[in-house]
């Protein structure tokens, strides 16, 4: 019996020693390694410089409709906030127009009087919530702005599809990319030119926006079609002509559209190639078309001669 007690005593002492012994030092865990670029759009790093030279963008059009610096200052006084870096330079230098064939720049009068998406959406939400179903729609910019902040949203650029670049009054150095739905929202610290250059990435557009600004202007449109039954010129044959004549300063093809827009600084306009055999669709069409939208004083004589040499026939011209 005494032996049993001794064994129990020894076991208890050993357990006590084990429990009182210091825990072994834990090996530090290695830092987590990200797989690829895991940054979300609203956490994009600020650009190295908040100033982007306007010369980095090809400006199409020689007769701008601009605002004055006094117009911008008056807008700032009215809103009670300064405008984003680069806005004053854009509206006084580029003027009215469209960046990347997507974002229309708002001049001061349009900023003041234009529709603000968040305010309009909040009004629609309130109207729906007070209706018979009493159901309030979801707010598409959750985590970026709240419905209560809608009155402080200032829109400086927008697209026909409802995307916009804006900022909150008092915070002009953090531009907001507001998508027409809940996908593609984000913040872009820096200047308005840098935000325009990066907005397509934030919106997750299936196309890359060209760094081209097309000024609003009265242009003459001339249309050409390939005759019925004649061989259809290829898109590449038209592009070759434009490049040879120095009229190709960038291009854009919508992701779901066979039309190709070519920007021409010399013509001050856009050349659209439509319904030709294109690599994106890899189909043959019965005809092809070219639309030239050029400023009234642009010399298009050689371009017309070369287009007609490809077999195109001009339709009746019309002003735009």
Protein backbone atom coordinates (compact mmCIF):
# COMPACT_ATOMS: atom_id res chain seq x y z
CA UNK A 1 0.00 0.00 0.00
CA UNK A 2 2.88 2.31 0.87
CA UNK A 3 4.34 1.66 -2.60
CA UNK A 4 1.11 2.80 -4.25
CA UNK A 5 1.13 6.02 -2.25
CA UNK A 6 4.73 6.68 -3.24
CA UNK A 7 3.99 6.14 -6.93
CA UNK A 8 1.01 8.54 -6.78
CA UNK A 9 3.15 11.13 -5.00
CA UNK A 10 5.90 10.92 -7.63
CA UNK A 11 3.36 11.34 -10.46
CA UNK A 12 1.82 14.39 -8.81
CA UNK A 13 5.23 16.01 -8.32
CA UNK A 14 6.12 15.43 -11.99
CA UNK A 15 2.83 16.92 -13.15
CA UNK A 16 3.41 19.97 -10.96
CA UNK A 17 6.88 20.47 -12.42
CA UNK A 18 5.54 20.20 -15.96
CA UNK A 19 2.78 22.71 -15.32
CA UNK A 20 5.16 25.24 -13.77
CA UNK A 21 7.77 24.93 -16.52
CA UNK A 22 7.91 27.95 -18.95
CA UNK A 23 6.23 27.39 -22.31
CA UNK A 24 8.64 27.01 -25.22
CA UNK A 25 9.05 30.10 -27.37
CA UNK A 26 6.76 30.06 -30.44
CA UNK A 27 8.40 30.33 -33.80
CA UNK A 28 7.32 33.52 -35.55
CA UNK A 29 4.84 32.87 -38.35
CA UNK A 30 5.99 33.94 -41.81
CA UNK A 31 4.12 36.91 -43.26
CA UNK A 32 1.22 36.10 -45.53
CA UNK A 33 2.19 36.26 -49.18
CA UNK A 34 -0.49 37.80 -51.42
CA UNK A 35 -1.42 35.92 -54.54
CA UNK A 36 -1.14 38.40 -57.36
CA UNK A 37 -2.44 41.97 -56.92
CA UNK A 38 -5.14 41.71 -54.26
CA UNK A 39 -5.77 45.45 -53.89
CA UNK A 40 -9.40 46.48 -54.22
CA UNK A 41 -10.16 49.55 -56.37
CA UNK A 42 -10.86 51.77 -53.35
CA UNK A 43 -7.40 50.99 -51.98
CA UNK A 44 -5.37 51.91 -55.02
CA UNK A 45 -2.17 53.71 -53.97
CA UNK A 46 -1.97 57.43 -54.48
CA UNK A 47 0.03 58.38 -57.58
CA UNK A 48 3.62 59.47 -57.03
CA UNK A 49 2.62 62.93 -58.14
CA UNK A 50 -0.82 64.49 -57.92
CA UNK A 51 -0.15 66.52 -61.05
CA UNK A 52 -0.53 64.96 -64.48
CA UNK A 53 0.55 67.06 -67.43
CA UNK A 54 -2.28 67.74 -69.82
CA UNK A 55 0.13 67.19 -72.74
CA UNK A 56 -0.02 63.45 -71.97
CA UNK A 57 -3.49 63.44 -73.53
CA UNK A 58 -4.13 63.88 -77.25
CA UNK A 59 -6.67 66.69 -77.66
CA UNK A 60 -8.89 66.46 -80.73
CA UNK A 61 -10.35 69.73 -82.00
CA UNK A 62 -8.92 73.18 -82.61
CA UNK A 63 -11.89 75.38 -81.58
CA UNK A 64 -12.53 74.82 -77.87
CA UNK A 65 -15.48 76.06 -75.85
CA UNK A 66 -13.73 76.86 -72.59
CA UNK A 67 -14.59 78.32 -69.22
CA UNK A 68 -12.60 81.15 -67.67
CA UNK A 69 -10.60 80.94 -64.47
CA UNK A 70 -13.07 83.45 -63.00
CA UNK A 71 -15.91 81.02 -63.79
CA UNK A 72 -14.13 78.32 -61.76
CA UNK A 73 -13.48 80.71 -58.87
CA UNK A 74 -17.14 81.76 -58.83
CA UNK A 75 -18.20 78.09 -58.76
CA UNK A 76 -15.85 77.42 -55.83
CA UNK A 77 -17.32 80.33 -53.88
CA UNK A 78 -20.84 79.13 -54.59
CA UNK A 79 -20.11 75.54 -53.57
CA UNK A 80 -17.96 76.52 -50.61
CA UNK A 81 -15.13 74.25 -51.66
CA UNK A 82 -12.16 74.23 -53.98
CA UNK A 83 -12.32 72.09 -57.11
CA UNK A 84 -10.01 69.08 -57.64
CA UNK A 85 -6.46 69.64 -58.84
CA UNK A 86 -6.43 69.84 -62.62
CA UNK A 87 -10.09 70.80 -63.03
CA UNK A 88 -9.35 74.48 -63.59
CA UNK A 89 -6.64 73.64 -66.14
CA UNK A 90 -8.90 71.20 -68.01
CA UNK A 91 -11.94 73.46 -68.40
CA UNK A 92 -9.84 76.52 -69.28
CA UNK A 93 -7.59 74.64 -71.72
CA UNK A 94 -9.43 71.58 -73.07
CA UNK A 95 -12.89 73.04 -72.60
CA UNK A 96 -16.11 71.12 -73.14
CA UNK A 97 -15.71 67.61 -74.49
CA UNK A 98 -15.35 63.93 -73.80
CA UNK A 99 -12.37 62.03 -72.38
CA UNK A 100 -11.65 58.53 -73.63
CA UNK A 101 -14.91 58.43 -75.59
CA UNK A 102 -16.60 57.85 -72.20
CA UNK A 103 -16.45 60.72 -69.69
CA UNK A 104 -17.91 64.14 -70.51
CA UNK A 105 -16.18 66.93 -68.61
CA UNK A 106 -18.61 69.30 -66.93
CA UNK A 107 -17.92 73.02 -67.26
CA UNK A 108 -18.75 75.17 -64.20
CA UNK A 109 -22.31 75.88 -65.38
CA UNK A 110 -22.90 72.15 -65.92
CA UNK A 111 -21.46 71.31 -62.50
CA UNK A 112 -23.86 73.81 -60.98
CA UNK A 113 -26.97 72.83 -62.95
CA UNK A 114 -26.29 69.23 -64.00
CA UNK A 115 -27.99 66.14 -62.64
CA UNK A 116 -26.25 64.53 -59.66
CA UNK A 117 -26.71 60.76 -59.71
CA UNK A 118 -26.65 60.18 -55.92
CA UNK A 119 -29.15 62.99 -55.24
CA UNK A 120 -31.49 61.75 -57.97
CA UNK A 121 -31.16 58.16 -56.76
CA UNK A 122 -31.87 59.15 -53.15
CA UNK A 123 -35.00 61.00 -54.27
CA UNK A 124 -36.12 57.88 -56.16
CA UNK A 125 -35.41 55.75 -53.08
CA UNK A 126 -37.51 58.05 -50.90
CA UNK A 127 -40.36 58.03 -53.40
CA UNK A 128 -40.32 54.25 -53.65
CA UNK A 129 -40.13 53.84 -49.86
CA UNK A 130 -43.22 56.04 -49.46
CA UNK A 131 -45.15 54.07 -52.08
CA UNK A 132 -47.53 51.19 -51.59
CA UNK A 133 -44.85 48.48 -51.31
CA UNK A 134 -42.87 50.43 -48.65
CA UNK A 135 -39.66 48.75 -49.81
CA UNK A 136 -36.55 50.91 -49.92
CA UNK A 137 -34.07 50.02 -52.71
CA UNK A 138 -30.48 49.26 -51.87
CA UNK A 139 -27.98 52.15 -51.94
CA UNK A 140 -25.48 51.35 -54.75
CA UNK A 141 -22.56 53.31 -53.25
CA UNK A 142 -22.48 51.66 -49.82
CA UNK A 143 -19.11 52.13 -48.12
CA UNK A 144 -18.21 55.07 -50.38
CA UNK A 145 -20.86 57.68 -49.64
CA UNK A 146 -24.04 57.57 -47.60
CA UNK A 147 -27.50 58.80 -48.68
CA UNK A 148 -27.08 61.65 -46.20
CA UNK A 149 -23.96 62.82 -48.06
CA UNK A 150 -25.72 63.00 -51.44
CA UNK A 151 -26.24 66.77 -51.11
CA UNK A 152 -22.49 67.24 -50.79
CA UNK A 153 -21.60 65.26 -53.94
CA UNK A 154 -20.15 67.41 -56.74
CA UNK A 155 -20.01 65.69 -60.16
CA UNK A 156 -17.20 66.87 -62.46
CA UNK A 157 -17.48 64.25 -65.23
CA UNK A 158 -20.09 61.72 -66.31
CA UNK A 159 -20.84 59.19 -69.01
CA UNK A 160 -23.97 58.58 -71.10
CA UNK A 161 -24.35 55.27 -69.28
CA UNK A 162 -24.52 56.87 -65.84
CA UNK A 163 -20.95 56.47 -64.53
CA UNK A 164 -19.52 59.60 -62.93
CA UNK A 165 -16.43 61.08 -61.31
CA UNK A 166 -17.25 63.24 -58.31
CA UNK A 167 -16.03 64.42 -54.91
CA UNK A 168 -17.54 65.38 -51.59
CA UNK A 169 -17.68 69.07 -50.81
CA UNK A 170 -14.61 69.93 -48.75
CA UNK A 171 -12.64 66.88 -49.92
CA UNK A 172 -11.55 67.71 -53.49
CA UNK A 173 -8.33 65.66 -53.31
CA UNK A 174 -10.18 62.34 -53.08
CA UNK A 175 -12.14 61.76 -56.25
CA UNK A 176 -14.92 59.17 -56.27
CA UNK A 177 -15.69 56.87 -59.18
CA UNK A 178 -19.43 56.21 -58.96
CA UNK A 179 -20.65 53.41 -61.19
CA UNK A 180 -24.25 53.26 -62.38
CA UNK A 181 -24.60 50.11 -60.30
CA UNK A 182 -22.79 48.73 -57.26
CA UNK A 183 -19.87 47.28 -59.25
CA UNK A 184 -16.83 49.38 -60.04
CA UNK A 185 -17.04 52.03 -57.32
CA UNK A 186 -13.80 53.34 -55.88
CA UNK A 187 -11.67 56.21 -54.61
CA UNK A 188 -8.85 57.83 -56.56
CA UNK A 189 -6.59 60.22 -54.64
CA UNK A 190 -4.89 62.80 -56.83
CA UNK A 191 -5.74 65.12 -59.68
CA UNK A 192 -8.67 64.97 -62.09
CA UNK A 193 -6.43 64.06 -65.09
CA UNK A 194 -4.98 61.11 -63.16
CA UNK A 195 -8.46 60.02 -62.10
CA UNK A 196 -9.69 60.11 -65.69
CA UNK A 197 -6.75 57.94 -66.73
CA UNK A 198 -7.47 55.36 -64.02
CA UNK A 199 -11.27 55.42 -63.89
CA UNK A 200 -11.71 52.77 -66.58
CA UNK A 201 -9.73 50.30 -64.46
CA UNK A 202 -11.81 51.04 -61.36
CA UNK A 203 -15.04 50.66 -63.32
CA UNK A 204 -13.71 47.33 -64.65
CA UNK A 205 -14.63 48.33 -68.19
CA UNK A 206 -13.93 45.59 -70.74
CA UNK A 207 -12.04 48.12 -72.86
CA UNK A 208 -9.11 50.41 -72.11
CA UNK A 209 -10.05 54.05 -72.45
CA UNK A 210 -7.70 55.84 -74.84
CA UNK A 211 -6.00 58.95 -73.51
CA UNK A 212 -7.82 61.14 -75.99
CA UNK A 213 -10.00 64.18 -75.34
CA UNK A 214 -12.46 65.10 -78.10
CA UNK A 215 -13.65 68.67 -77.82
CA UNK A 216 -17.29 69.49 -78.42
CA UNK A 217 -17.56 71.29 -81.74
CA UNK A 218 -19.69 71.63 -84.83
CA UNK A 219 -18.37 69.11 -87.32
CA UNK A 220 -19.19 68.12 -90.87
CA UNK A 221 -20.01 64.46 -91.32
CA UNK A 222 -19.32 62.68 -94.57
CA UNK A 223 -20.46 59.09 -95.03
CA UNK A 224 -19.19 56.48 -97.47
CA UNK A 225 -20.52 53.01 -98.24
CA UNK A 226 -19.25 50.15 -100.33
CA UNK A 227 -21.56 49.49 -103.32
CA UNK A 228 -23.85 46.50 -103.17
CA UNK A 229 -22.26 43.48 -104.78
CA UNK A 230 -18.76 44.99 -104.82
CA UNK A 231 -15.86 43.46 -102.85
CA UNK A 232 -16.00 44.62 -99.22
CA UNK A 233 -12.84 46.49 -98.14
CA UNK A 234 -11.24 45.21 -94.96
CA UNK A 235 -10.86 47.25 -91.84
CA UNK A 236 -7.09 46.95 -92.03
CA UNK A 237 -7.02 48.46 -95.54
CA UNK A 238 -8.78 51.56 -94.21
CA UNK A 239 -6.43 51.76 -91.21
CA UNK A 240 -3.44 51.55 -93.56
CA UNK A 241 -4.71 54.62 -95.41
CA UNK A 242 -5.23 56.58 -92.20
CA UNK A 243 -1.76 55.72 -90.92
CA UNK A 244 -0.10 56.64 -94.23
CA UNK A 245 -1.84 60.03 -94.18
CA UNK A 246 -0.93 60.68 -90.53
CA UNK A 247 -4.55 60.72 -89.46
CA UNK A 248 -4.40 57.98 -86.81
CA UNK A 249 -3.90 59.35 -83.27
CA UNK A 250 -5.57 56.58 -81.31
CA UNK A 251 -8.48 54.21 -81.67
CA UNK A 252 -11.21 52.56 -79.65
CA UNK A 253 -13.39 49.57 -80.32
CA UNK A 254 -16.32 48.95 -78.03
CA UNK A 255 -16.07 45.46 -76.58
CA UNK A 256 -19.41 44.30 -78.03
CA UNK A 257 -19.48 46.37 -81.21
CA UNK A 258 -17.76 45.84 -84.56
CA UNK A 259 -17.46 49.61 -85.09
CA UNK A 260 -13.98 51.09 -84.73
CA UNK A 261 -13.47 54.77 -83.81
CA UNK A 262 -10.21 56.37 -84.96
CA UNK A 263 -9.23 59.75 -83.51
CA UNK A 264 -7.51 62.28 -85.76
CA UNK A 265 -5.88 65.40 -84.35
CA UNK A 266 -5.29 66.87 -87.82
CA UNK A 267 -8.94 66.55 -88.81
CA UNK A 268 -10.12 67.60 -85.36
CA UNK A 269 -12.57 64.73 -85.31
CA UNK A 270 -13.30 61.02 -85.40
CA UNK A 271 -13.38 58.49 -88.25
CA UNK A 272 -15.69 55.53 -87.71
CA UNK A 273 -15.19 52.30 -89.63
CA UNK A 274 -18.34 50.22 -89.55
CA UNK A 275 -19.59 46.87 -90.81
CA UNK A 276 -16.28 45.85 -92.35
CA UNK A 277 -14.69 42.44 -91.91
CA UNK A 278 -13.03 42.77 -88.51
CA UNK A 279 -10.66 40.52 -86.56
CA UNK A 280 -12.87 40.71 -83.46
CA UNK A 281 -15.88 39.15 -85.12
CA UNK A 282 -14.16 37.20 -87.90
CA UNK A 283 -17.20 37.43 -90.11
CA UNK A 284 -17.79 38.80 -93.57
CA UNK A 285 -20.34 41.57 -94.24
CA UNK A 286 -22.18 42.44 -97.42
CA UNK A 287 -21.05 46.05 -97.20
CA UNK A 288 -18.81 48.39 -95.23
CA UNK A 289 -19.01 52.01 -94.19
CA UNK A 290 -16.83 54.93 -93.17
CA UNK A 291 -18.04 58.05 -91.40
CA UNK A 292 -15.74 61.07 -91.21
CA UNK A 293 -16.58 63.72 -88.62
CA UNK A 294 -14.17 66.61 -89.15
CA UNK A 295 -14.07 70.31 -88.37
CA UNK A 296 -15.36 72.55 -91.13
CA UNK A 297 -11.93 73.93 -91.99
CA UNK A 298 -10.21 70.50 -92.04
CA UNK A 299 -8.69 69.38 -95.34
CA UNK A 300 -10.12 65.95 -96.11
CA UNK A 301 -9.58 65.97 -99.88
CA UNK A 302 -6.74 63.42 -99.92
CA UNK A 303 -8.51 61.15 -97.45
CA UNK A 304 -11.65 61.19 -99.59
CA UNK A 305 -9.62 60.38 -102.69
CA UNK A 306 -7.96 57.41 -100.98
CA UNK A 307 -11.25 56.14 -99.54
CA UNK A 308 -12.88 56.28 -102.95
CA UNK A 309 -9.84 54.43 -104.29
CA UNK A 310 -10.76 51.55 -101.96
CA UNK A 311 -14.16 51.34 -103.64
CA UNK A 312 -16.28 53.44 -101.28
CA UNK A 313 -18.97 55.76 -102.63
CA UNK A 314 -19.94 58.95 -100.79
CA UNK A 315 -23.46 59.54 -99.56
CA UNK A 316 -24.98 63.02 -99.26
CA UNK A 317 -23.00 65.07 -96.68
CA UNK A 318 -24.77 66.60 -93.69
CA UNK A 319 -23.81 69.06 -90.96
CA UNK A 320 -23.66 68.05 -87.31
